[in-house]
C-alpha atoms as a PDB file:
ATOM      1  CA  UNK A   1       0.066   0.434  -0.386  1.00  0.00           C
ATOM      2  CA  UNK A   2       1.195   3.303  -0.923  1.00  0.00           C
ATOM      3  CA  UNK A   3       1.930   5.722   2.145  1.00  0.00           C
ATOM      4  CA  UNK A   4       0.481   8.907   0.596  1.00  0.00           C
ATOM      5  CA  UNK A   5      -1.709   8.368  -2.535  1.00  0.00           C
ATOM      6  CA  UNK A   6      -3.521  11.506  -4.116  1.00  0.00           C
ATOM      7  CA  UNK A   7      -5.769   9.978  -6.357  1.00  0.00           C
ATOM      8  CA  UNK A   8      -7.674  12.757  -8.978  1.00  0.00           C
ATOM      9  CA  UNK A   9      -6.353  16.379  -7.079  1.00  0.00           C
ATOM     10  CA  UNK A  10      -8.307  19.080  -8.935  1.00  0.00           C
ATOM     11  CA  UNK A  11      -7.888  22.545  -7.848  1.00  0.00           C
ATOM     12  CA  UNK A  12      -9.164  25.884  -8.826  1.00  0.00           C
ATOM     13  CA  UNK A  13      -8.065  29.431  -7.720  1.00  0.00           C
ATOM     14  CA  UNK A  14     -10.421  32.545  -8.475  1.00  0.00           C
ATOM     15  CA  UNK A  15      -8.495  35.660  -9.641  1.00  0.00           C
ATOM     16  CA  UNK A  16     -10.868  38.498  -9.971  1.00  0.00           C
ATOM     17  CA  UNK A  17     -13.385  37.428 -12.907  1.00  0.00           C
ATOM     18  CA  UNK A  18     -10.303  34.865 -14.156  1.00  0.00           C
ATOM     19  CA  UNK A  19     -10.494  31.218 -12.851  1.00  0.00           C
ATOM     20  CA  UNK A  20      -7.093  29.333 -12.570  1.00  0.00           C
ATOM     21  CA  UNK A  21      -7.052  25.875 -12.572  1.00  0.00           C
ATOM     22  CA  UNK A  22      -4.227  24.691 -10.819  1.00  0.00           C
ATOM     23  CA  UNK A  23      -4.448  21.332 -10.920  1.00  0.00           C
ATOM     24  CA  UNK A  24      -6.407  19.253 -13.589  1.00  0.00           C
ATOM     25  CA  UNK A  25      -7.010  15.899 -12.168  1.00  0.00           C
ATOM     26  CA  UNK A  26      -3.636  14.955 -10.320  1.00  0.00           C
ATOM     27  CA  UNK A  27      -3.189  11.076  -9.165  1.00  0.00           C
ATOM     28  CA  UNK A  28       0.238  10.064  -7.482  1.00  0.00           C
ATOM     29  CA  UNK A  29       1.160   7.264  -5.402  1.00  0.00           C
ATOM     30  CA  UNK A  30       4.765   7.477  -3.153  1.00  0.00           C
ATOM     31  CA  UNK A  31       5.922   4.557  -0.830  1.00  0.00           C
ATOM     32  CA  UNK A  32       7.111   5.080   2.242  1.00  0.00           C
ATOM     33  CA  UNK A  33      10.489   6.088   2.676  1.00  0.00           C
ATOM     34  CA  UNK A  34      10.890   7.078  -0.561  1.00  0.00           C
ATOM     35  CA  UNK A  35      12.293  10.670  -2.019  1.00  0.00           C
ATOM     36  CA  UNK A  36      10.630  12.028  -4.453  1.00  0.00           C
ATOM     37  CA  UNK A  37      11.173  15.367  -6.704  1.00  0.00           C
ATOM     38  CA  UNK A  38       9.092  16.877  -7.760  1.00  0.00           C
ATOM     39  CA  UNK A  39       9.618  19.237 -10.883  1.00  0.00           C
ATOM     40  CA  UNK A  40       8.231  21.463 -13.444  1.00  0.00           C
ATOM     41  CA  UNK A  41       7.999  25.521 -15.096  1.00  0.00           C
ATOM     42  CA  UNK A  42       5.871  28.650 -13.066  1.00  0.00           C
ATOM     43  CA  UNK A  43       2.413  27.691 -13.301  1.00  0.00           C
ATOM     44  CA  UNK A  44       2.710  24.163 -13.141  1.00  0.00           C
ATOM     45  CA  UNK A  45       0.840  23.214  -9.864  1.00  0.00           C
ATOM     46  CA  UNK A  46       3.713  22.068  -8.085  1.00  0.00           C
ATOM     47  CA  UNK A  47       3.383  24.423  -4.716  1.00  0.00           C
ATOM     48  CA  UNK A  48      -0.610  23.933  -4.919  1.00  0.00           C
ATOM     49  CA  UNK A  49       0.457  20.103  -4.613  1.00  0.00           C
ATOM     50  CA  UNK A  50       2.261  20.595  -2.103  1.00  0.00           C
ATOM     51  CA  UNK A  51      -0.060  22.686  -0.060  1.00  0.00           C
ATOM     52  CA  UNK A  52      -2.797  19.992  -0.747  1.00  0.00           C
ATOM     53  CA  UNK A  53      -0.528  17.217   0.407  1.00  0.00           C
ATOM     54  CA  UNK A  54       0.533  18.888   3.624  1.00  0.00           C
ATOM     55  CA  UNK A  55      -3.431  19.102   4.447  1.00  0.00           C
ATOM     56  CA  UNK A  56      -2.854  23.084   4.151  1.00  0.00           C
ATOM     57  CA  UNK A  57      -5.577  23.589   2.389  1.00  0.00           C
ATOM     58  CA  UNK A  58      -8.382  20.969   0.544  1.00  0.00           C
ATOM     59  CA  UNK A  59      -8.895  19.763  -3.296  1.00  0.00           C
ATOM     60  CA  UNK A  60     -11.791  21.179  -4.983  1.00  0.00           C
ATOM     61  CA  UNK A  61     -12.410  17.070  -6.093  1.00  0.00           C
ATOM     62  CA  UNK A  62     -10.071  13.802  -5.378  1.00  0.00           C
ATOM     63  CA  UNK A  63      -8.612  12.440  -2.403  1.00  0.00           C
ATOM     64  CA  UNK A  64      -5.840  12.163  -0.180  1.00  0.00           C
ATOM     65  CA  UNK A  65      -4.808   9.723   1.867  1.00  0.00           C
ATOM     66  CA  UNK A  66      -1.776   9.293   4.283  1.00  0.00           C
ATOM     67  CA  UNK A  67      -0.337   6.434   6.442  1.00  0.00           C
ATOM     68  CA  UNK A  68      -4.065   4.946   5.188  1.00  0.00           C
ATOM     69  CA  UNK A  69      -6.462   8.205   6.395  1.00  0.00           C
ATOM     70  CA  UNK A  70      -8.351   9.832   3.991  1.00  0.00           C
ATOM     71  CA  UNK A  71      -7.262  13.354   4.926  1.00  0.00           C
ATOM     72  CA  UNK A  72      -9.422  15.525   2.262  1.00  0.00           C
ATOM     73  CA  UNK A  73     -12.228  14.264   4.556  1.00  0.00           C
ATOM     74  CA  UNK A  74     -11.131  15.884   7.880  1.00  0.00           C
ATOM     75  CA  UNK A  75     -11.490  18.836   9.702  1.00  0.00           C
ATOM     76  CA  UNK A  76      -9.339  21.532   9.807  1.00  0.00           C
ATOM     77  CA  UNK A  77      -8.340  20.796  13.305  1.00  0.00           C
ATOM     78  CA  UNK A  78      -8.101  17.467  12.376  1.00  0.00           C
ATOM     79  CA  UNK A  79      -6.056  17.881   9.516  1.00  0.00           C
ATOM     80  CA  UNK A  80      -4.160  20.514  11.546  1.00  0.00           C
ATOM     81  CA  UNK A  81      -3.065  17.068  14.231  1.00  0.00           C
ATOM     82  CA  UNK A  82      -2.463  15.530  11.781  1.00  0.00           C
ATOM     83  CA  UNK A  83       0.502  17.658  10.646  1.00  0.00           C
ATOM     84  CA  UNK A  84       1.921  18.153  13.934  1.00  0.00           C
ATOM     85  CA  UNK A  85       2.222  14.498  14.366  1.00  0.00           C
ATOM     86  CA  UNK A  86       3.346  13.480  10.594  1.00  0.00           C
ATOM     87  CA  UNK A  87       5.024  16.237   8.832  1.00  0.00           C
ATOM     88  CA  UNK A  88       8.088  18.635   8.478  1.00  0.00           C
ATOM     89  CA  UNK A  89       7.790  21.616   6.303  1.00  0.00           C
ATOM     90  CA  UNK A  90      11.009  23.246   4.525  1.00  0.00           C
ATOM     91  CA  UNK A  91       9.858  26.242   2.663  1.00  0.00           C
ATOM     92  CA  UNK A  92      11.873  28.577   0.307  1.00  0.00           C
ATOM     93  CA  UNK A  93      11.256  31.535   3.059  1.00  0.00           C
ATOM     94  CA  UNK A  94      12.735  30.831   5.953  1.00  0.00           C
ATOM     95  CA  UNK A  95       9.800  31.225   8.123  1.00  0.00           C
ATOM     96  CA  UNK A  96      12.086  32.378  11.039  1.00  0.00           C
ATOM     97  CA  UNK A  97      10.689  34.034  14.026  1.00  0.00           C
ATOM     98  CA  UNK A  98      12.575  36.885  14.057  1.00  0.00           C
ATOM     99  CA  UNK A  99      12.743  37.552  17.776  1.00  0.00           C
ATOM    100  CA  UNK A 100      14.186  34.135  19.198  1.00  0.00           C
ATOM    101  CA  UNK A 101      17.610  32.972  18.482  1.00  0.00           C
ATOM    102  CA  UNK A 102      18.206  29.188  15.655  1.00  0.00           C
ATOM    103  CA  UNK A 103      18.162  26.948  18.930  1.00  0.00           C
ATOM    104  CA  UNK A 104      14.350  28.499  19.931  1.00  0.00           C
ATOM    105  CA  UNK A 105      13.273  28.889  16.151  1.00  0.00           C
ATOM    106  CA  UNK A 106      14.300  25.178  16.508  1.00  0.00           C
ATOM    107  CA  UNK A 107      13.081  23.604  19.758  1.00  0.00           C
ATOM    108  CA  UNK A 108       9.520  26.100  18.788  1.00  0.00           C
ATOM    109  CA  UNK A 109       8.799  22.541  16.165  1.00  0.00           C
ATOM    110  CA  UNK A 110       8.618  20.585  20.102  1.00  0.00           C
ATOM    111  CA  UNK A 111       6.163  22.946  21.357  1.00  0.00           C
ATOM    112  CA  UNK A 112       4.194  23.354  18.090  1.00  0.00           C
ATOM    113  CA  UNK A 113       3.668  18.825  18.308  1.00  0.00           C
ATOM    114  CA  UNK A 114       2.837  19.537  21.596  1.00  0.00           C
ATOM    115  CA  UNK A 115       3.745  16.190  22.846  1.00  0.00           C
ATOM    116  CA  UNK A 116       6.577  16.658  25.493  1.00  0.00           C
ATOM    117  CA  UNK A 117       9.392  14.930  22.802  1.00  0.00           C
ATOM    118  CA  UNK A 118      12.431  15.719  22.468  1.00  0.00           C
ATOM    119  CA  UNK A 119      15.213  14.034  21.442  1.00  0.00           C
ATOM    120  CA  UNK A 120      18.153  15.534  22.786  1.00  0.00           C
ATOM    121  CA  UNK A 121      20.709  13.765  21.096  1.00  0.00           C
ATOM    122  CA  UNK A 122      18.572  14.017  17.363  1.00  0.00           C
ATOM    123  CA  UNK A 123      19.027  17.467  17.667  1.00  0.00           C
ATOM    124  CA  UNK A 124      22.535  17.582  18.686  1.00  0.00           C
ATOM    125  CA  UNK A 125      23.423  15.473  15.604  1.00  0.00           C
ATOM    126  CA  UNK A 126      21.435  17.319  12.997  1.00  0.00           C
ATOM    127  CA  UNK A 127      23.192  20.914  13.999  1.00  0.00           C
ATOM    128  CA  UNK A 128      26.471  19.847  14.115  1.00  0.00           C
ATOM    129  CA  UNK A 129      25.529  17.939  10.882  1.00  0.00           C
ATOM    130  CA  UNK A 130      24.088  21.096   9.006  1.00  0.00           C
ATOM    131  CA  UNK A 131      27.088  22.917  10.749  1.00  0.00           C
ATOM    132  CA  UNK A 132      24.940  25.160  12.934  1.00  0.00           C
ATOM    133  CA  UNK A 133      26.643  24.776  16.762  1.00  0.00           C
ATOM    134  CA  UNK A 134      28.485  27.822  17.235  1.00  0.00           C
ATOM    135  CA  UNK A 135      25.277  29.972  16.000  1.00  0.00           C
ATOM    136  CA  UNK A 136      22.928  28.597  18.363  1.00  0.00           C
ATOM    137  CA  UNK A 137      22.661  32.011  20.057  1.00  0.00           C
ATOM    138  CA  UNK A 138      22.166  34.053  16.625  1.00  0.00           C
ATOM    139  CA  UNK A 139      19.158  35.831  15.643  1.00  0.00           C
ATOM    140  CA  UNK A 140      17.969  35.385  11.946  1.00  0.00           C
ATOM    141  CA  UNK A 141      18.976  38.829  11.270  1.00  0.00           C
ATOM    142  CA  UNK A 142      22.902  37.637  11.837  1.00  0.00           C
ATOM    143  CA  UNK A 143      22.509  34.815  10.409  1.00  0.00           C
ATOM    144  CA  UNK A 144      23.320  34.432   6.452  1.00  0.00           C
ATOM    145  CA  UNK A 145      20.509  33.152   4.217  1.00  0.00           C
ATOM    146  CA  UNK A 146      22.011  29.462   3.489  1.00  0.00           C
ATOM    147  CA  UNK A 147      22.623  29.166   7.552  1.00  0.00           C
ATOM    148  CA  UNK A 148      18.537  30.475   7.924  1.00  0.00           C
ATOM    149  CA  UNK A 149      17.708  27.960   5.699  1.00  0.00           C
ATOM    150  CA  UNK A 150      19.600  25.334   7.357  1.00  0.00           C
ATOM    151  CA  UNK A 151      18.028  26.309  11.338  1.00  0.00           C
ATOM    152  CA  UNK A 152      14.352  25.918   9.336  1.00  0.00           C
ATOM    153  CA  UNK A 153      15.665  22.438   7.999  1.00  0.00           C
ATOM    154  CA  UNK A 154      16.346  21.565  11.245  1.00  0.00           C
ATOM    155  CA  UNK A 155      13.030  22.368  12.798  1.00  0.00           C
ATOM    156  CA  UNK A 156      11.527  20.712   9.859  1.00  0.00           C
ATOM    157  CA  UNK A 157      13.909  17.360  10.991  1.00  0.00           C
ATOM    158  CA  UNK A 158      13.844  17.824  14.268  1.00  0.00           C
ATOM    159  CA  UNK A 159      10.497  16.004  15.391  1.00  0.00           C
ATOM    160  CA  UNK A 160      11.319  12.778  13.435  1.00  0.00           C
ATOM    161  CA  UNK A 161       8.308  13.610  11.118  1.00  0.00           C
ATOM    162  CA  UNK A 162       6.790  10.457   8.842  1.00  0.00           C
ATOM    163  CA  UNK A 163       7.122  12.683   5.512  1.00  0.00           C
ATOM    164  CA  UNK A 164       9.039  16.204   5.172  1.00  0.00           C
ATOM    165  CA  UNK A 165       7.631  18.004   2.149  1.00  0.00           C
ATOM    166  CA  UNK A 166      10.253  20.745   1.166  1.00  0.00           C
ATOM    167  CA  UNK A 167       9.136  23.614  -1.370  1.00  0.00           C
ATOM    168  CA  UNK A 168      12.285  25.509  -3.084  1.00  0.00           C
ATOM    169  CA  UNK A 169      14.697  24.662  -0.714  1.00  0.00           C
ATOM    170  CA  UNK A 170      17.148  25.707  -1.961  1.00  0.00           C
ATOM    171  CA  UNK A 171      15.461  28.541  -4.771  1.00  0.00           C
ATOM    172  CA  UNK A 172      17.744  31.201  -2.422  1.00  0.00           C
ATOM    173  CA  UNK A 173      20.651  29.682  -1.712  1.00  0.00           C
ATOM    174  CA  UNK A 174      23.969  28.932  -3.246  1.00  0.00           C
ATOM    175  CA  UNK A 175      26.033  25.919  -5.035  1.00  0.00           C
ATOM    176  CA  UNK A 176      27.823  25.130  -1.357  1.00  0.00           C
ATOM    177  CA  UNK A 177      24.650  25.807   1.123  1.00  0.00           C
ATOM    178  CA  UNK A 178      22.540  23.730  -1.580  1.00  0.00           C
ATOM    179  CA  UNK A 179      24.204  20.880  -1.195  1.00  0.00           C
ATOM    180  CA  UNK A 180      24.115  20.681   2.472  1.00  0.00           C
ATOM    181  CA  UNK A 181      20.614  20.568   2.833  1.00  0.00           C
ATOM    182  CA  UNK A 182      20.199  18.311   0.165  1.00  0.00           C
ATOM    183  CA  UNK A 183      22.371  16.113   1.339  1.00  0.00           C
ATOM    184  CA  UNK A 184      20.398  16.414   4.981  1.00  0.00           C
ATOM    185  CA  UNK A 185      17.138  15.233   4.050  1.00  0.00           C
ATOM    186  CA  UNK A 186      18.792  12.461   2.266  1.00  0.00           C
ATOM    187  CA  UNK A 187      20.429  11.254   5.156  1.00  0.00           C
ATOM    188  CA  UNK A 188      17.248  11.815   7.219  1.00  0.00           C
ATOM    189  CA  UNK A 189      15.239   9.747   4.244  1.00  0.00           C
ATOM    190  CA  UNK A 190      17.940   7.181   4.663  1.00  0.00           C
ATOM    191  CA  UNK A 191      18.299   6.527   8.091  1.00  0.00           C
ATOM    192  CA  UNK A 192      14.727   7.470   9.307  1.00  0.00           C
ATOM    193  CA  UNK A 193      12.663   6.399   6.792  1.00  0.00           C
ATOM    194  CA  UNK A 194      11.643   9.138   6.321  1.00  0.00           C
ATOM    195  CA  UNK A 195       8.976  10.218   2.878  1.00  0.00           C
ATOM    196  CA  UNK A 196      10.448  12.942   1.455  1.00  0.00           C
ATOM    197  CA  UNK A 197       8.498  15.619  -1.636  1.00  0.00           C
ATOM    198  CA  UNK A 198      10.575  17.744  -2.709  1.00  0.00           C
ATOM    199  CA  UNK A 199       9.806  20.836  -5.230  1.00  0.00           C
ATOM    200  CA  UNK A 200      12.248  22.074  -7.025  1.00  0.00           C
ATOM    201  CA  UNK A 201      12.894  23.841 -10.547  1.00  0.00           C
ATOM    202  CA  UNK A 202      16.630  22.315 -10.050  1.00  0.00           C
ATOM    203  CA  UNK A 203      17.340  19.087 -12.611  1.00  0.00           C
ATOM    204  CA  UNK A 204      20.568  18.474 -10.375  1.00  0.00           C
ATOM    205  CA  UNK A 205      18.843  19.046  -6.787  1.00  0.00           C
ATOM    206  CA  UNK A 206      15.759  17.078  -8.669  1.00  0.00           C
ATOM    207  CA  UNK A 207      18.349  13.812  -9.486  1.00  0.00           C
ATOM    208  CA  UNK A 208      18.946  13.969  -4.553  1.00  0.00           C
ATOM    209  CA  UNK A 209      15.427  12.076  -5.306  1.00  0.00           C
ATOM    210  CA  UNK A 210      14.652   8.155  -6.211  1.00  0.00           C
ATOM    211  CA  UNK A 211      11.666   9.353  -8.379  1.00  0.00           C
ATOM    212  CA  UNK A 212      10.911  12.595 -10.358  1.00  0.00           C
ATOM    213  CA  UNK A 213       7.876  13.563 -11.068  1.00  0.00           C
ATOM    214  CA  UNK A 214       7.182  15.906 -13.685  1.00  0.00           C
ATOM    215  CA  UNK A 215       4.209  18.501 -14.162  1.00  0.00           C
ATOM    216  CA  UNK A 216       3.228  20.709 -16.456  1.00  0.00           C
ATOM    217  CA  UNK A 217       0.016  23.150 -16.827  1.00  0.00           C
ATOM    218  CA  UNK A 218      -1.765  20.958 -13.570  1.00  0.00           C
ATOM    219  CA  UNK A 219      -0.958  17.995 -14.437  1.00  0.00           C
ATOM    220  CA  UNK A 220       2.064  15.084 -14.221  1.00  0.00           C
ATOM    221  CA  UNK A 221       3.464  14.737 -17.848  1.00  0.00           C
ATOM    222  CA  UNK A 222       5.884  12.452 -19.271  1.00  0.00           C
ATOM    223  CA  UNK A 223      10.204  14.121 -18.836  1.00  0.00           C
ATOM    224  CA  UNK A 224      10.182  15.241 -22.855  1.00  0.00           C
ATOM    225  CA  UNK A 225       7.159  17.263 -21.874  1.00  0.00           C
ATOM    226  CA  UNK A 226       8.687  19.957 -19.577  1.00  0.00           C
ATOM    227  CA  UNK A 227      10.882  22.372 -21.469  1.00  0.00           C
ATOM    228  CA  UNK A 228      13.194  23.110 -18.195  1.00  0.00           C
ATOM    229  CA  UNK A 229      14.394  19.470 -17.736  1.00  0.00           C
ATOM    230  CA  UNK A 230      17.591  18.582 -19.559  1.00  0.00           C
ATOM    231  CA  UNK A 231      17.072  14.965 -19.531  1.00  0.00           C
ATOM    232  CA  UNK A 232      15.568  11.682 -18.105  1.00  0.00           C
ATOM    233  CA  UNK A 233      16.057  11.079 -14.705  1.00  0.00           C
ATOM    234  CA  UNK A 234      19.296   8.724 -14.127  1.00  0.00           C
ATOM    235  CA  UNK A 235      20.467  10.290 -17.359  1.00  0.00           C
ATOM    236  CA  UNK A 236      23.209  11.941 -15.181  1.00  0.00           C
ATOM    237  CA  UNK A 237      25.249  10.958 -11.569  1.00  0.00           C
ATOM    238  CA  UNK A 238      23.043  10.662  -8.440  1.00  0.00           C
ATOM    239  CA  UNK A 239      23.921  13.070  -6.007  1.00  0.00           C
ATOM    240  CA  UNK A 240      24.218  10.669  -2.943  1.00  0.00           C
END
């Protein structure tokens, strides 16, 4: 059985009098502990799929089943509880709290989860692997963009969520910080068995995944219909 299954997802937005079909019957299936990259040009529906799979909004049609639970049928409160239990989010915009230092921005994930569980050894290991040990007392304004994204990634991973959803996690980073973030996502996937779905416009970043899903105009398409894709998955060396 698939760990994440989306069936015939449809989502339409209204911008004034204009109707925009963001998703047009998208169906995907992701096995537990897989790393899946979702690629496609701007406006292809990638971010809408991200928000639906994360329970941040509802589809207009179709269903989403995560670990056997149809989250499209849950109330807002139930979806919030599901997110707290199972999902870690990484966004292109770091979404750090400016008044808190790096340590507190990471530890806040524990407070949001609300279960009182916090693995201090795991915290220290993630912080060390991300090169943040000496930066924990610094506030976001005192950190570089790469360091802020690494703090955001640590926050997403620290509670060991079953699913990590990453939306363009390297979009604002240089090549060095991009590699740190991508390798950490891959390592968490391999060592902790976390299921990772990563949205990216970068084919090289996409190659960290076990599988690449291509989107265009709100649909899943073969790679040759993605103008930003320079080759089929597997044509370049794997990045791990």
